[in-house]
Amino acid sequence: MSTQDPATILLIDDHPMLRSGVKQLISLDGSLKVVAEATNGEEGVRLAAEWDPDLILLDLNMPGLNGLDTLDKMRRIPLSGRIVVFSVSDHEDDVITAIKRGADGYLLKDMEPEDLLESLRQAAAGKMVLSAALMPVLAAGLRENRPGAERDIQSLTPRERDILKLLAHGLSNKLIARKLDITESTVKVHVKHLLKKMSLKSRVEAAVWALQNRML
């Protein structure tokens, strides 16, 4: 994608009014463009494979194939873009489950329009996005899920600590590799090691932990 080309977005939501409103909002931003819309999960998976957009905005509650099952299916095809859940639900279980099943972010439908646009820009650029209201929800859920987990930042190598800080900024492996001047495959190995050492299940959990512990 050149700097002139807008980031491509696929909307997957069964409510036409919602899709229309989001599409209208996105049209106000020249750096973003909705290239396809799906009314259900099955159609969403097909369009994701067809377009391979920079960003997929996915509703959780849809008839037929729900959002989480759609997410599972999309994670089994080679997509280069980010998948962000867009939901009315701020329930801890929904947020934790979506992140653990591979969502690159979680945004609430009651966000202010300008905040939504900024989050979409960040997600399309490869960053993790999370509605501000969800950060304490996710952090609390992580504490409850692993109350006995011992996490010692000193167990990480200096390079792993650098990568953890960049994860906390929401950077993708590709962006981290570029920033540290190493290969993307090397970043993946470091992320795998630091997650294991810190008893964390995903890069999003790592980012939240780093933010909670003021590593930035």
N, C-alpha and C. Protein backbone atom coordinates (compact mmCIF):
# COMPACT_ATOMS: atom_id res chain seq x y z
N MET A 1 0.84 -1.20 0.00
CA MET A 1 0.00 0.00 0.00
C MET A 1 0.88 1.25 0.00
N SER A 2 0.74 2.11 -0.98
CA SER A 2 1.52 3.34 -1.02
C SER A 2 0.93 4.34 -0.05
N THR A 3 1.70 5.44 0.19
CA THR A 3 1.22 6.42 1.16
C THR A 3 -0.04 7.12 0.66
N GLN A 4 -0.24 7.12 -0.66
CA GLN A 4 -1.42 7.81 -1.21
C GLN A 4 -2.69 6.95 -1.11
N ASP A 5 -2.51 5.65 -1.11
CA ASP A 5 -3.68 4.77 -1.14
C ASP A 5 -4.34 4.69 0.24
N PRO A 6 -5.68 4.81 0.29
CA PRO A 6 -6.35 4.66 1.59
C PRO A 6 -6.29 3.22 2.08
N ALA A 7 -6.30 3.04 3.39
CA ALA A 7 -6.35 1.70 3.97
C ALA A 7 -7.72 1.08 3.68
N THR A 8 -7.71 -0.17 3.28
CA THR A 8 -8.97 -0.84 2.89
C THR A 8 -9.62 -1.52 4.10
N ILE A 9 -10.95 -1.43 4.16
CA ILE A 9 -11.71 -1.95 5.30
C ILE A 9 -12.86 -2.83 4.83
N LEU A 10 -13.04 -3.94 5.52
CA LEU A 10 -14.21 -4.82 5.32
C LEU A 10 -15.08 -4.73 6.57
N LEU A 11 -16.36 -4.39 6.38
CA LEU A 11 -17.33 -4.34 7.49
C LEU A 11 -18.13 -5.63 7.52
N ILE A 12 -18.19 -6.27 8.69
CA ILE A 12 -19.02 -7.48 8.84
C ILE A 12 -20.00 -7.24 9.98
N ASP A 13 -21.26 -6.99 9.63
CA ASP A 13 -22.28 -6.66 10.63
C ASP A 13 -23.65 -6.91 10.01
N ASP A 14 -24.57 -7.48 10.78
CA ASP A 14 -25.88 -7.83 10.21
C ASP A 14 -26.87 -6.67 10.25
N HIS A 15 -26.47 -5.51 10.81
CA HIS A 15 -27.38 -4.37 10.87
C HIS A 15 -27.05 -3.36 9.77
N PRO A 16 -27.92 -3.23 8.75
CA PRO A 16 -27.64 -2.32 7.64
C PRO A 16 -27.48 -0.87 8.06
N MET A 17 -28.26 -0.42 9.05
CA MET A 17 -28.16 0.98 9.50
C MET A 17 -26.79 1.24 10.12
N LEU A 18 -26.31 0.27 10.90
CA LEU A 18 -25.00 0.42 11.53
C LEU A 18 -23.91 0.47 10.46
N ARG A 19 -23.97 -0.44 9.50
CA ARG A 19 -22.97 -0.46 8.43
C ARG A 19 -22.98 0.86 7.66
N SER A 20 -24.18 1.34 7.38
CA SER A 20 -24.32 2.59 6.63
C SER A 20 -23.71 3.75 7.39
N GLY A 21 -23.97 3.80 8.71
CA GLY A 21 -23.45 4.89 9.53
C GLY A 21 -21.93 4.87 9.63
N VAL A 22 -21.37 3.68 9.83
CA VAL A 22 -19.92 3.54 9.93
C VAL A 22 -19.27 3.87 8.59
N LYS A 23 -19.89 3.40 7.51
CA LYS A 23 -19.35 3.66 6.16
C LYS A 23 -19.35 5.17 5.88
N GLN A 24 -20.42 5.84 6.28
CA GLN A 24 -20.52 7.29 6.08
C GLN A 24 -19.44 8.02 6.88
N LEU A 25 -19.23 7.58 8.13
CA LEU A 25 -18.20 8.18 8.98
C LEU A 25 -16.81 7.98 8.35
N ILE A 26 -16.53 6.76 7.90
CA ILE A 26 -15.24 6.45 7.31
C ILE A 26 -15.00 7.27 6.03
N SER A 27 -16.07 7.54 5.30
CA SER A 27 -15.94 8.30 4.05
C SER A 27 -15.43 9.73 4.28
N LEU A 28 -15.55 10.21 5.53
CA LEU A 28 -15.06 11.54 5.86
C LEU A 28 -13.54 11.58 6.00
N ASP A 29 -12.93 10.39 6.08
CA ASP A 29 -11.48 10.30 6.28
C ASP A 29 -10.83 9.76 5.01
N GLY A 30 -10.02 10.58 4.36
CA GLY A 30 -9.41 10.18 3.10
C GLY A 30 -8.40 9.05 3.21
N SER A 31 -7.96 8.73 4.45
CA SER A 31 -6.96 7.67 4.62
C SER A 31 -7.58 6.29 4.80
N LEU A 32 -8.92 6.24 4.82
CA LEU A 32 -9.64 4.98 5.02
C LEU A 32 -10.70 4.79 3.94
N LYS A 33 -10.93 3.53 3.56
CA LYS A 33 -11.95 3.27 2.54
C LYS A 33 -12.60 1.90 2.76
N VAL A 34 -13.93 1.88 2.83
CA VAL A 34 -14.66 0.62 2.93
C VAL A 34 -14.74 0.02 1.52
N VAL A 35 -14.15 -1.17 1.35
CA VAL A 35 -14.14 -1.79 0.02
C VAL A 35 -15.18 -2.91 -0.11
N ALA A 36 -15.67 -3.41 1.04
CA ALA A 36 -16.65 -4.50 0.99
C ALA A 36 -17.43 -4.55 2.29
N GLU A 37 -18.67 -5.07 2.20
CA GLU A 37 -19.54 -5.23 3.37
C GLU A 37 -20.14 -6.61 3.36
N ALA A 38 -20.28 -7.19 4.56
CA ALA A 38 -20.91 -8.51 4.68
C ALA A 38 -22.01 -8.43 5.74
N THR A 39 -23.10 -9.14 5.48
CA THR A 39 -24.23 -9.12 6.42
C THR A 39 -24.18 -10.30 7.38
N ASN A 40 -23.26 -11.24 7.15
CA ASN A 40 -23.16 -12.41 8.03
C ASN A 40 -21.72 -12.95 8.01
N GLY A 41 -21.45 -13.88 8.93
CA GLY A 41 -20.10 -14.41 9.08
C GLY A 41 -19.58 -15.15 7.86
N GLU A 42 -20.41 -16.01 7.28
CA GLU A 42 -19.97 -16.80 6.12
C GLU A 42 -19.56 -15.89 4.96
N GLU A 43 -20.39 -14.89 4.70
CA GLU A 43 -20.09 -13.93 3.64
C GLU A 43 -18.83 -13.14 3.99
N GLY A 44 -18.67 -12.84 5.28
CA GLY A 44 -17.50 -12.11 5.74
C GLY A 44 -16.21 -12.86 5.49
N VAL A 45 -16.22 -14.17 5.79
CA VAL A 45 -15.04 -15.01 5.57
C VAL A 45 -14.68 -15.03 4.08
N ARG A 46 -15.70 -15.17 3.23
CA ARG A 46 -15.47 -15.22 1.77
C ARG A 46 -14.89 -13.90 1.27
N LEU A 47 -15.46 -12.77 1.73
CA LEU A 47 -14.98 -11.46 1.28
C LEU A 47 -13.59 -11.15 1.84
N ALA A 48 -13.31 -11.65 3.05
CA ALA A 48 -11.98 -11.44 3.64
C ALA A 48 -10.92 -12.12 2.78
N ALA A 49 -11.21 -13.35 2.34
CA ALA A 49 -10.28 -14.09 1.49
C ALA A 49 -10.14 -13.42 0.12
N GLU A 50 -11.25 -12.87 -0.38
CA GLU A 50 -11.25 -12.25 -1.71
C GLU A 50 -10.49 -10.92 -1.72
N TRP A 51 -10.70 -10.09 -0.70
CA TRP A 51 -10.14 -8.74 -0.69
C TRP A 51 -8.83 -8.63 0.09
N ASP A 52 -8.63 -9.48 1.10
CA ASP A 52 -7.51 -9.37 2.03
C ASP A 52 -7.28 -7.90 2.42
N PRO A 53 -8.28 -7.29 3.07
CA PRO A 53 -8.19 -5.85 3.39
C PRO A 53 -7.18 -5.57 4.49
N ASP A 54 -6.86 -4.29 4.66
CA ASP A 54 -5.95 -3.88 5.74
C ASP A 54 -6.60 -4.05 7.10
N LEU A 55 -7.93 -3.93 7.14
CA LEU A 55 -8.65 -3.99 8.41
C LEU A 55 -10.02 -4.62 8.22
N ILE A 56 -10.37 -5.53 9.14
CA ILE A 56 -11.70 -6.14 9.15
C ILE A 56 -12.37 -5.75 10.46
N LEU A 57 -13.53 -5.11 10.35
CA LEU A 57 -14.32 -4.70 11.52
C LEU A 57 -15.44 -5.72 11.69
N LEU A 58 -15.41 -6.46 12.79
CA LEU A 58 -16.26 -7.64 12.95
C LEU A 58 -17.21 -7.52 14.14
N ASP A 59 -18.50 -7.65 13.86
CA ASP A 59 -19.52 -7.66 14.91
C ASP A 59 -19.49 -9.03 15.61
N LEU A 60 -19.77 -9.05 16.93
CA LEU A 60 -19.78 -10.32 17.66
C LEU A 60 -21.11 -11.06 17.53
N ASN A 61 -22.21 -10.33 17.67
CA ASN A 61 -23.52 -10.97 17.75
C ASN A 61 -24.24 -10.93 16.41
N MET A 62 -24.10 -12.03 15.65
CA MET A 62 -24.78 -12.14 14.36
C MET A 62 -25.50 -13.48 14.29
N PRO A 63 -26.63 -13.52 13.59
CA PRO A 63 -27.32 -14.81 13.42
C PRO A 63 -26.47 -15.73 12.54
N GLY A 64 -26.66 -17.03 12.72
CA GLY A 64 -25.88 -17.98 11.94
C GLY A 64 -24.49 -18.11 12.55
N LEU A 65 -23.48 -17.90 11.73
CA LEU A 65 -22.09 -17.95 12.21
C LEU A 65 -21.80 -16.69 13.02
N ASN A 66 -21.61 -16.84 14.34
CA ASN A 66 -21.40 -15.64 15.17
C ASN A 66 -20.00 -15.07 14.99
N GLY A 67 -19.75 -13.95 15.65
CA GLY A 67 -18.48 -13.25 15.47
C GLY A 67 -17.26 -14.07 15.84
N LEU A 68 -17.33 -14.80 16.96
CA LEU A 68 -16.18 -15.58 17.41
C LEU A 68 -15.88 -16.73 16.45
N ASP A 69 -16.92 -17.40 15.97
CA ASP A 69 -16.71 -18.49 15.00
C ASP A 69 -16.19 -17.94 13.67
N THR A 70 -16.67 -16.75 13.30
CA THR A 70 -16.17 -16.09 12.09
C THR A 70 -14.69 -15.76 12.27
N LEU A 71 -14.33 -15.28 13.45
CA LEU A 71 -12.94 -14.97 13.77
C LEU A 71 -12.07 -16.23 13.64
N ASP A 72 -12.55 -17.34 14.20
CA ASP A 72 -11.82 -18.61 14.10
C ASP A 72 -11.57 -18.99 12.64
N LYS A 73 -12.61 -18.87 11.82
CA LYS A 73 -12.48 -19.24 10.40
C LYS A 73 -11.51 -18.33 9.67
N MET A 74 -11.56 -17.03 9.97
CA MET A 74 -10.67 -16.09 9.29
C MET A 74 -9.22 -16.29 9.72
N ARG A 75 -9.01 -16.76 10.95
CA ARG A 75 -7.66 -17.01 11.42
C ARG A 75 -7.03 -18.24 10.75
N ARG A 76 -7.87 -19.02 10.07
CA ARG A 76 -7.35 -20.20 9.38
C ARG A 76 -7.01 -19.91 7.92
N ILE A 77 -7.22 -18.68 7.47
CA ILE A 77 -6.83 -18.31 6.10
C ILE A 77 -5.74 -17.24 6.19
N PRO A 78 -4.83 -17.19 5.21
CA PRO A 78 -3.69 -16.27 5.29
C PRO A 78 -4.06 -14.81 5.00
N LEU A 79 -4.49 -14.09 6.03
CA LEU A 79 -4.85 -12.68 5.88
C LEU A 79 -3.71 -11.80 6.37
N SER A 80 -3.43 -10.72 5.67
CA SER A 80 -2.34 -9.84 6.07
C SER A 80 -2.80 -8.67 6.94
N GLY A 81 -4.10 -8.42 6.97
CA GLY A 81 -4.63 -7.29 7.72
C GLY A 81 -4.98 -7.62 9.16
N ARG A 82 -5.56 -6.64 9.85
CA ARG A 82 -5.93 -6.79 11.26
C ARG A 82 -7.43 -7.07 11.37
N ILE A 83 -7.79 -7.85 12.38
CA ILE A 83 -9.20 -8.15 12.64
C ILE A 83 -9.57 -7.54 14.00
N VAL A 84 -10.50 -6.60 13.97
CA VAL A 84 -10.90 -5.90 15.19
C VAL A 84 -12.39 -6.13 15.45
N VAL A 85 -12.70 -6.59 16.66
CA VAL A 85 -14.10 -6.78 17.05
C VAL A 85 -14.74 -5.42 17.31
N PHE A 86 -15.96 -5.25 16.81
CA PHE A 86 -16.72 -4.01 16.97
C PHE A 86 -18.07 -4.40 17.56
N SER A 87 -18.27 -4.14 18.84
CA SER A 87 -19.42 -4.71 19.54
C SER A 87 -20.05 -3.74 20.53
N VAL A 88 -21.30 -4.05 20.91
CA VAL A 88 -21.97 -3.28 21.97
C VAL A 88 -21.59 -3.84 23.33
N SER A 89 -21.02 -5.05 23.36
CA SER A 89 -20.77 -5.73 24.62
C SER A 89 -19.44 -5.34 25.26
N ASP A 90 -19.51 -4.88 26.52
CA ASP A 90 -18.28 -4.62 27.27
C ASP A 90 -18.11 -5.66 28.38
N HIS A 91 -18.80 -6.81 28.22
CA HIS A 91 -18.69 -7.88 29.22
C HIS A 91 -17.28 -8.46 29.19
N GLU A 92 -16.75 -8.67 30.36
CA GLU A 92 -15.38 -9.17 30.49
C GLU A 92 -15.17 -10.46 29.70
N ASP A 93 -16.12 -11.39 29.79
CA ASP A 93 -15.97 -12.68 29.09
C ASP A 93 -15.84 -12.48 27.59
N ASP A 94 -16.66 -11.59 27.03
CA ASP A 94 -16.62 -11.35 25.58
C ASP A 94 -15.27 -10.77 25.16
N VAL A 95 -14.79 -9.80 25.93
CA VAL A 95 -13.53 -9.13 25.60
C VAL A 95 -12.37 -10.12 25.69
N ILE A 96 -12.26 -10.83 26.82
CA ILE A 96 -11.17 -11.79 27.03
C ILE A 96 -11.19 -12.88 25.97
N THR A 97 -12.39 -13.42 25.70
CA THR A 97 -12.51 -14.52 24.73
C THR A 97 -12.10 -14.06 23.33
N ALA A 98 -12.56 -12.89 22.92
CA ALA A 98 -12.23 -12.39 21.59
C ALA A 98 -10.72 -12.21 21.43
N ILE A 99 -10.08 -11.65 22.44
CA ILE A 99 -8.63 -11.43 22.38
C ILE A 99 -7.89 -12.77 22.33
N LYS A 100 -8.31 -13.70 23.17
CA LYS A 100 -7.63 -15.00 23.22
C LYS A 100 -7.82 -15.80 21.93
N ARG A 101 -8.91 -15.53 21.22
CA ARG A 101 -9.16 -16.26 19.97
C ARG A 101 -8.59 -15.55 18.75
N GLY A 102 -7.82 -14.49 19.00
CA GLY A 102 -7.05 -13.92 17.91
C GLY A 102 -7.45 -12.55 17.40
N ALA A 103 -8.38 -11.86 18.09
CA ALA A 103 -8.72 -10.50 17.66
C ALA A 103 -7.53 -9.56 17.90
N ASP A 104 -7.33 -8.62 16.99
CA ASP A 104 -6.24 -7.66 17.12
C ASP A 104 -6.68 -6.40 17.87
N GLY A 105 -7.90 -6.41 18.34
CA GLY A 105 -8.41 -5.26 19.07
C GLY A 105 -9.89 -5.43 19.35
N TYR A 106 -10.44 -4.53 20.15
CA TYR A 106 -11.85 -4.63 20.54
C TYR A 106 -12.34 -3.20 20.76
N LEU A 107 -13.29 -2.79 19.93
CA LEU A 107 -13.85 -1.44 20.01
C LEU A 107 -15.35 -1.50 20.31
N LEU A 108 -15.82 -0.53 21.09
CA LEU A 108 -17.24 -0.49 21.45
C LEU A 108 -18.01 0.40 20.48
N LYS A 109 -19.23 0.00 20.19
CA LYS A 109 -20.04 0.74 19.21
C LYS A 109 -20.51 2.10 19.72
N ASP A 110 -20.39 2.33 21.03
CA ASP A 110 -20.84 3.64 21.55
C ASP A 110 -19.68 4.64 21.65
N MET A 111 -18.56 4.34 20.98
CA MET A 111 -17.42 5.26 20.97
C MET A 111 -17.80 6.57 20.28
N GLU A 112 -17.13 7.64 20.67
CA GLU A 112 -17.29 8.91 19.97
C GLU A 112 -16.76 8.75 18.55
N PRO A 113 -17.45 9.34 17.56
CA PRO A 113 -17.03 9.16 16.16
C PRO A 113 -15.56 9.47 15.90
N GLU A 114 -15.06 10.57 16.47
CA GLU A 114 -13.65 10.92 16.22
C GLU A 114 -12.69 9.91 16.84
N ASP A 115 -13.09 9.34 18.00
CA ASP A 115 -12.26 8.30 18.63
C ASP A 115 -12.26 7.02 17.80
N LEU A 116 -13.42 6.70 17.23
CA LEU A 116 -13.51 5.52 16.38
C LEU A 116 -12.62 5.66 15.15
N LEU A 117 -12.69 6.82 14.50
CA LEU A 117 -11.85 7.05 13.32
C LEU A 117 -10.37 6.94 13.65
N GLU A 118 -9.97 7.51 14.77
CA GLU A 118 -8.56 7.44 15.17
C GLU A 118 -8.14 5.99 15.44
N SER A 119 -9.02 5.23 16.09
CA SER A 119 -8.73 3.82 16.36
C SER A 119 -8.63 3.02 15.07
N LEU A 120 -9.50 3.32 14.10
CA LEU A 120 -9.47 2.62 12.82
C LEU A 120 -8.18 2.94 12.07
N ARG A 121 -7.75 4.19 12.13
CA ARG A 121 -6.48 4.57 11.49
C ARG A 121 -5.32 3.80 12.10
N GLN A 122 -5.31 3.71 13.43
CA GLN A 122 -4.23 3.00 14.12
C GLN A 122 -4.26 1.50 13.79
N ALA A 123 -5.47 0.92 13.79
CA ALA A 123 -5.59 -0.51 13.49
C ALA A 123 -5.14 -0.81 12.07
N ALA A 124 -5.53 0.03 11.13
CA ALA A 124 -5.15 -0.17 9.72
C ALA A 124 -3.63 -0.05 9.54
N ALA A 125 -2.98 0.71 10.43
CA ALA A 125 -1.53 0.88 10.37
C ALA A 125 -0.80 -0.27 11.05
N GLY A 126 -1.56 -1.23 11.61
CA GLY A 126 -0.93 -2.40 12.21
C GLY A 126 -0.85 -2.37 13.72
N LYS A 127 -1.52 -1.42 14.35
CA LYS A 127 -1.46 -1.32 15.81
C LYS A 127 -2.65 -2.01 16.48
N MET A 128 -2.42 -2.45 17.71
CA MET A 128 -3.50 -3.01 18.52
C MET A 128 -4.39 -1.86 18.99
N VAL A 129 -5.70 -2.04 18.95
CA VAL A 129 -6.61 -1.00 19.44
C VAL A 129 -7.59 -1.59 20.44
N LEU A 130 -7.89 -0.80 21.46
CA LEU A 130 -8.80 -1.23 22.52
C LEU A 130 -9.51 0.01 23.03
N SER A 131 -10.85 -0.04 23.10
CA SER A 131 -11.58 1.10 23.67
C SER A 131 -11.04 1.37 25.08
N ALA A 132 -10.84 2.65 25.39
CA ALA A 132 -10.25 3.02 26.68
C ALA A 132 -11.02 2.42 27.85
N ALA A 133 -12.34 2.34 27.72
CA ALA A 133 -13.17 1.80 28.80
C ALA A 133 -12.91 0.32 29.07
N LEU A 134 -12.30 -0.36 28.09
CA LEU A 134 -12.09 -1.80 28.23
C LEU A 134 -10.77 -2.18 28.88
N MET A 135 -9.83 -1.22 28.97
CA MET A 135 -8.52 -1.55 29.51
C MET A 135 -8.60 -2.12 30.93
N PRO A 136 -9.32 -1.46 31.87
CA PRO A 136 -9.43 -2.04 33.21
C PRO A 136 -10.18 -3.37 33.22
N VAL A 137 -11.16 -3.51 32.32
CA VAL A 137 -11.92 -4.76 32.22
C VAL A 137 -10.99 -5.91 31.84
N LEU A 138 -10.18 -5.67 30.82
CA LEU A 138 -9.26 -6.69 30.34
C LEU A 138 -8.19 -6.99 31.39
N ALA A 139 -7.65 -5.96 32.02
CA ALA A 139 -6.62 -6.14 33.02
C ALA A 139 -7.15 -6.95 34.21
N ALA A 140 -8.37 -6.63 34.64
CA ALA A 140 -8.98 -7.36 35.77
C ALA A 140 -9.20 -8.82 35.39
N GLY A 141 -9.66 -9.05 34.16
CA GLY A 141 -9.89 -10.41 33.69
C GLY A 141 -8.62 -11.23 33.65
N LEU A 142 -7.52 -10.60 33.26
CA LEU A 142 -6.23 -11.30 33.20
C LEU A 142 -5.77 -11.67 34.61
N ARG A 143 -5.97 -10.76 35.56
CA ARG A 143 -5.57 -11.06 36.94
C ARG A 143 -6.37 -12.22 37.50
N GLU A 144 -7.67 -12.24 37.21
CA GLU A 144 -8.53 -13.31 37.73
C GLU A 144 -8.19 -14.65 37.09
N ASN A 145 -7.84 -14.61 35.80
CA ASN A 145 -7.55 -15.86 35.09
C ASN A 145 -6.26 -16.51 35.58
N ARG A 146 -5.30 -15.70 36.03
CA ARG A 146 -4.05 -16.28 36.47
C ARG A 146 -3.60 -15.61 37.77
N PRO A 147 -4.32 -15.87 38.87
CA PRO A 147 -4.01 -15.19 40.12
C PRO A 147 -2.64 -15.56 40.68
N GLY A 148 -2.16 -16.76 40.37
CA GLY A 148 -0.89 -17.19 40.95
C GLY A 148 0.30 -17.01 40.04
N ALA A 149 0.09 -16.42 38.89
CA ALA A 149 1.18 -16.31 37.92
C ALA A 149 2.24 -15.33 38.41
N GLU A 150 3.49 -15.79 38.47
CA GLU A 150 4.60 -14.92 38.84
C GLU A 150 5.22 -14.35 37.57
N ARG A 151 5.25 -13.04 37.48
CA ARG A 151 5.81 -12.41 36.28
C ARG A 151 6.99 -11.54 36.69
N ASP A 152 8.17 -11.94 36.28
CA ASP A 152 9.38 -11.23 36.65
C ASP A 152 10.00 -10.61 35.40
N ILE A 153 9.92 -9.29 35.31
CA ILE A 153 10.45 -8.60 34.14
C ILE A 153 11.95 -8.84 33.99
N GLN A 154 12.61 -9.14 35.11
CA GLN A 154 14.06 -9.37 35.06
C GLN A 154 14.41 -10.68 34.34
N SER A 155 13.42 -11.54 34.15
CA SER A 155 13.69 -12.80 33.45
C SER A 155 13.83 -12.59 31.94
N LEU A 156 13.45 -11.40 31.48
CA LEU A 156 13.53 -11.10 30.05
C LEU A 156 14.90 -10.54 29.68
N THR A 157 15.34 -10.84 28.47
CA THR A 157 16.57 -10.24 27.96
C THR A 157 16.30 -8.78 27.61
N PRO A 158 17.34 -7.95 27.48
CA PRO A 158 17.12 -6.55 27.10
C PRO A 158 16.31 -6.44 25.80
N ARG A 159 16.58 -7.30 24.82
CA ARG A 159 15.85 -7.26 23.55
C ARG A 159 14.37 -7.61 23.76
N GLU A 160 14.09 -8.61 24.60
CA GLU A 160 12.71 -8.99 24.89
C GLU A 160 11.97 -7.86 25.60
N ARG A 161 12.68 -7.14 26.48
CA ARG A 161 12.05 -6.00 27.17
C ARG A 161 11.72 -4.89 26.17
N ASP A 162 12.64 -4.65 25.23
CA ASP A 162 12.37 -3.66 24.17
C ASP A 162 11.12 -4.02 23.39
N ILE A 163 11.01 -5.29 23.04
CA ILE A 163 9.87 -5.75 22.25
C ILE A 163 8.58 -5.67 23.05
N LEU A 164 8.65 -5.98 24.34
CA LEU A 164 7.46 -5.88 25.20
C LEU A 164 6.95 -4.44 25.25
N LYS A 165 7.87 -3.48 25.35
CA LYS A 165 7.47 -2.07 25.36
C LYS A 165 6.79 -1.68 24.05
N LEU A 166 7.32 -2.20 22.94
CA LEU A 166 6.72 -1.88 21.63
C LEU A 166 5.36 -2.57 21.47
N LEU A 167 5.22 -3.77 22.04
CA LEU A 167 3.91 -4.44 22.05
C LEU A 167 2.89 -3.58 22.80
N ALA A 168 3.35 -2.97 23.89
CA ALA A 168 2.46 -2.13 24.70
C ALA A 168 1.99 -0.90 23.92
N HIS A 169 2.79 -0.49 22.94
CA HIS A 169 2.38 0.61 22.07
C HIS A 169 1.46 0.12 20.96
N GLY A 170 1.22 -1.20 20.92
CA GLY A 170 0.31 -1.77 19.93
C GLY A 170 0.93 -2.07 18.58
N LEU A 171 2.25 -2.09 18.49
CA LEU A 171 2.90 -2.31 17.19
C LEU A 171 2.81 -3.78 16.75
N SER A 172 2.67 -3.97 15.46
CA SER A 172 2.67 -5.31 14.87
C SER A 172 4.11 -5.82 14.76
N ASN A 173 4.26 -7.13 14.50
CA ASN A 173 5.60 -7.71 14.33
C ASN A 173 6.38 -6.98 13.24
N LYS A 174 5.69 -6.66 12.15
CA LYS A 174 6.35 -5.99 11.02
C LYS A 174 6.90 -4.63 11.44
N LEU A 175 6.09 -3.86 12.19
CA LEU A 175 6.53 -2.53 12.63
C LEU A 175 7.65 -2.62 13.67
N ILE A 176 7.57 -3.63 14.54
CA ILE A 176 8.63 -3.83 15.54
C ILE A 176 9.94 -4.17 14.84
N ALA A 177 9.86 -5.06 13.84
CA ALA A 177 11.05 -5.46 13.09
C ALA A 177 11.71 -4.25 12.43
N ARG A 178 10.88 -3.39 11.84
CA ARG A 178 11.39 -2.20 11.17
C ARG A 178 12.06 -1.26 12.18
N LYS A 179 11.42 -1.09 13.34
CA LYS A 179 11.93 -0.15 14.35
C LYS A 179 13.25 -0.64 14.95
N LEU A 180 13.37 -1.96 15.15
CA LEU A 180 14.58 -2.51 15.79
C LEU A 180 15.61 -3.00 14.76
N ASP A 181 15.27 -2.88 13.48
CA ASP A 181 16.16 -3.29 12.40
C ASP A 181 16.55 -4.77 12.51
N ILE A 182 15.53 -5.60 12.75
CA ILE A 182 15.72 -7.05 12.76
C ILE A 182 14.62 -7.66 11.88
N THR A 183 14.70 -8.96 11.62
CA THR A 183 13.71 -9.59 10.74
C THR A 183 12.41 -9.86 11.50
N GLU A 184 11.33 -9.97 10.75
CA GLU A 184 10.03 -10.25 11.35
C GLU A 184 10.02 -11.62 12.04
N SER A 185 10.73 -12.59 11.44
CA SER A 185 10.78 -13.93 12.04
C SER A 185 11.52 -13.91 13.38
N THR A 186 12.52 -13.04 13.49
CA THR A 186 13.25 -12.89 14.77
C THR A 186 12.32 -12.29 15.82
N VAL A 187 11.51 -11.32 15.42
CA VAL A 187 10.54 -10.72 16.35
C VAL A 187 9.59 -11.80 16.86
N LYS A 188 9.10 -12.65 15.96
CA LYS A 188 8.16 -13.71 16.35
C LYS A 188 8.77 -14.63 17.40
N VAL A 189 10.04 -14.97 17.22
CA VAL A 189 10.73 -15.84 18.19
C VAL A 189 10.83 -15.14 19.55
N HIS A 190 11.21 -13.86 19.54
CA HIS A 190 11.31 -13.11 20.80
C HIS A 190 9.95 -13.01 21.50
N VAL A 191 8.89 -12.74 20.72
CA VAL A 191 7.55 -12.63 21.30
C VAL A 191 7.15 -13.96 21.94
N LYS A 192 7.41 -15.05 21.24
CA LYS A 192 7.08 -16.38 21.76
C LYS A 192 7.80 -16.64 23.09
N HIS A 193 9.08 -16.29 23.15
CA HIS A 193 9.87 -16.51 24.37
C HIS A 193 9.38 -15.64 25.52
N LEU A 194 9.10 -14.37 25.24
CA LEU A 194 8.71 -13.48 26.34
C LEU A 194 7.32 -13.85 26.87
N LEU A 195 6.43 -14.29 25.99
CA LEU A 195 5.10 -14.72 26.45
C LEU A 195 5.23 -15.92 27.39
N LYS A 196 6.09 -16.87 27.00
CA LYS A 196 6.28 -18.07 27.82
C LYS A 196 6.89 -17.71 29.17
N LYS A 197 7.92 -16.87 29.17
CA LYS A 197 8.58 -16.48 30.42
C LYS A 197 7.64 -15.74 31.36
N MET A 198 6.74 -14.93 30.77
CA MET A 198 5.85 -14.09 31.58
C MET A 198 4.49 -14.73 31.84
N SER A 199 4.31 -15.98 31.41
CA SER A 199 3.03 -16.70 31.59
C SER A 199 1.86 -15.91 31.02
N LEU A 200 2.07 -15.38 29.81
CA LEU A 200 1.03 -14.62 29.11
C LEU A 200 0.63 -15.39 27.86
N LYS A 201 -0.65 -15.33 27.51
CA LYS A 201 -1.15 -16.15 26.40
C LYS A 201 -1.16 -15.45 25.06
N SER A 202 -1.10 -14.13 25.04
CA SER A 202 -1.17 -13.44 23.75
C SER A 202 -0.44 -12.11 23.85
N ARG A 203 -0.15 -11.54 22.69
CA ARG A 203 0.54 -10.24 22.64
C ARG A 203 -0.33 -9.14 23.24
N VAL A 204 -1.66 -9.29 23.13
CA VAL A 204 -2.55 -8.28 23.73
C VAL A 204 -2.47 -8.33 25.25
N GLU A 205 -2.45 -9.56 25.81
CA GLU A 205 -2.27 -9.69 27.26
C GLU A 205 -0.94 -9.07 27.68
N ALA A 206 0.09 -9.29 26.89
CA ALA A 206 1.41 -8.73 27.20
C ALA A 206 1.36 -7.20 27.20
N ALA A 207 0.66 -6.65 26.20
CA ALA A 207 0.55 -5.19 26.10
C ALA A 207 -0.18 -4.62 27.30
N VAL A 208 -1.28 -5.26 27.69
CA VAL A 208 -2.05 -4.78 28.84
C VAL A 208 -1.22 -4.87 30.12
N TRP A 209 -0.50 -5.99 30.28
CA TRP A 209 0.35 -6.16 31.48
C TRP A 209 1.40 -5.05 31.54
N ALA A 210 2.04 -4.77 30.41
CA ALA A 210 3.07 -3.73 30.35
C ALA A 210 2.48 -2.37 30.70
N LEU A 211 1.29 -2.08 30.19
CA LEU A 211 0.63 -0.80 30.49
C LEU A 211 0.28 -0.70 31.96
N GLN A 212 -0.24 -1.79 32.53
CA GLN A 212 -0.60 -1.81 33.95
C GLN A 212 0.62 -1.61 34.84
N ASN A 213 1.76 -2.11 34.38
CA ASN A 213 2.97 -2.01 35.17
C ASN A 213 3.86 -0.84 34.77
N ARG A 214 3.26 0.08 34.03
CA ARG A 214 3.91 1.34 33.64
C ARG A 214 5.27 1.13 33.01
N MET A 215 5.33 0.22 32.05
CA MET A 215 6.59 -0.05 31.38
C MET A 215 6.90 0.97 30.28
N LEU A 216 5.91 1.79 29.91
CA LEU A 216 6.12 2.72 28.79
C LEU A 216 7.06 3.85 29.18
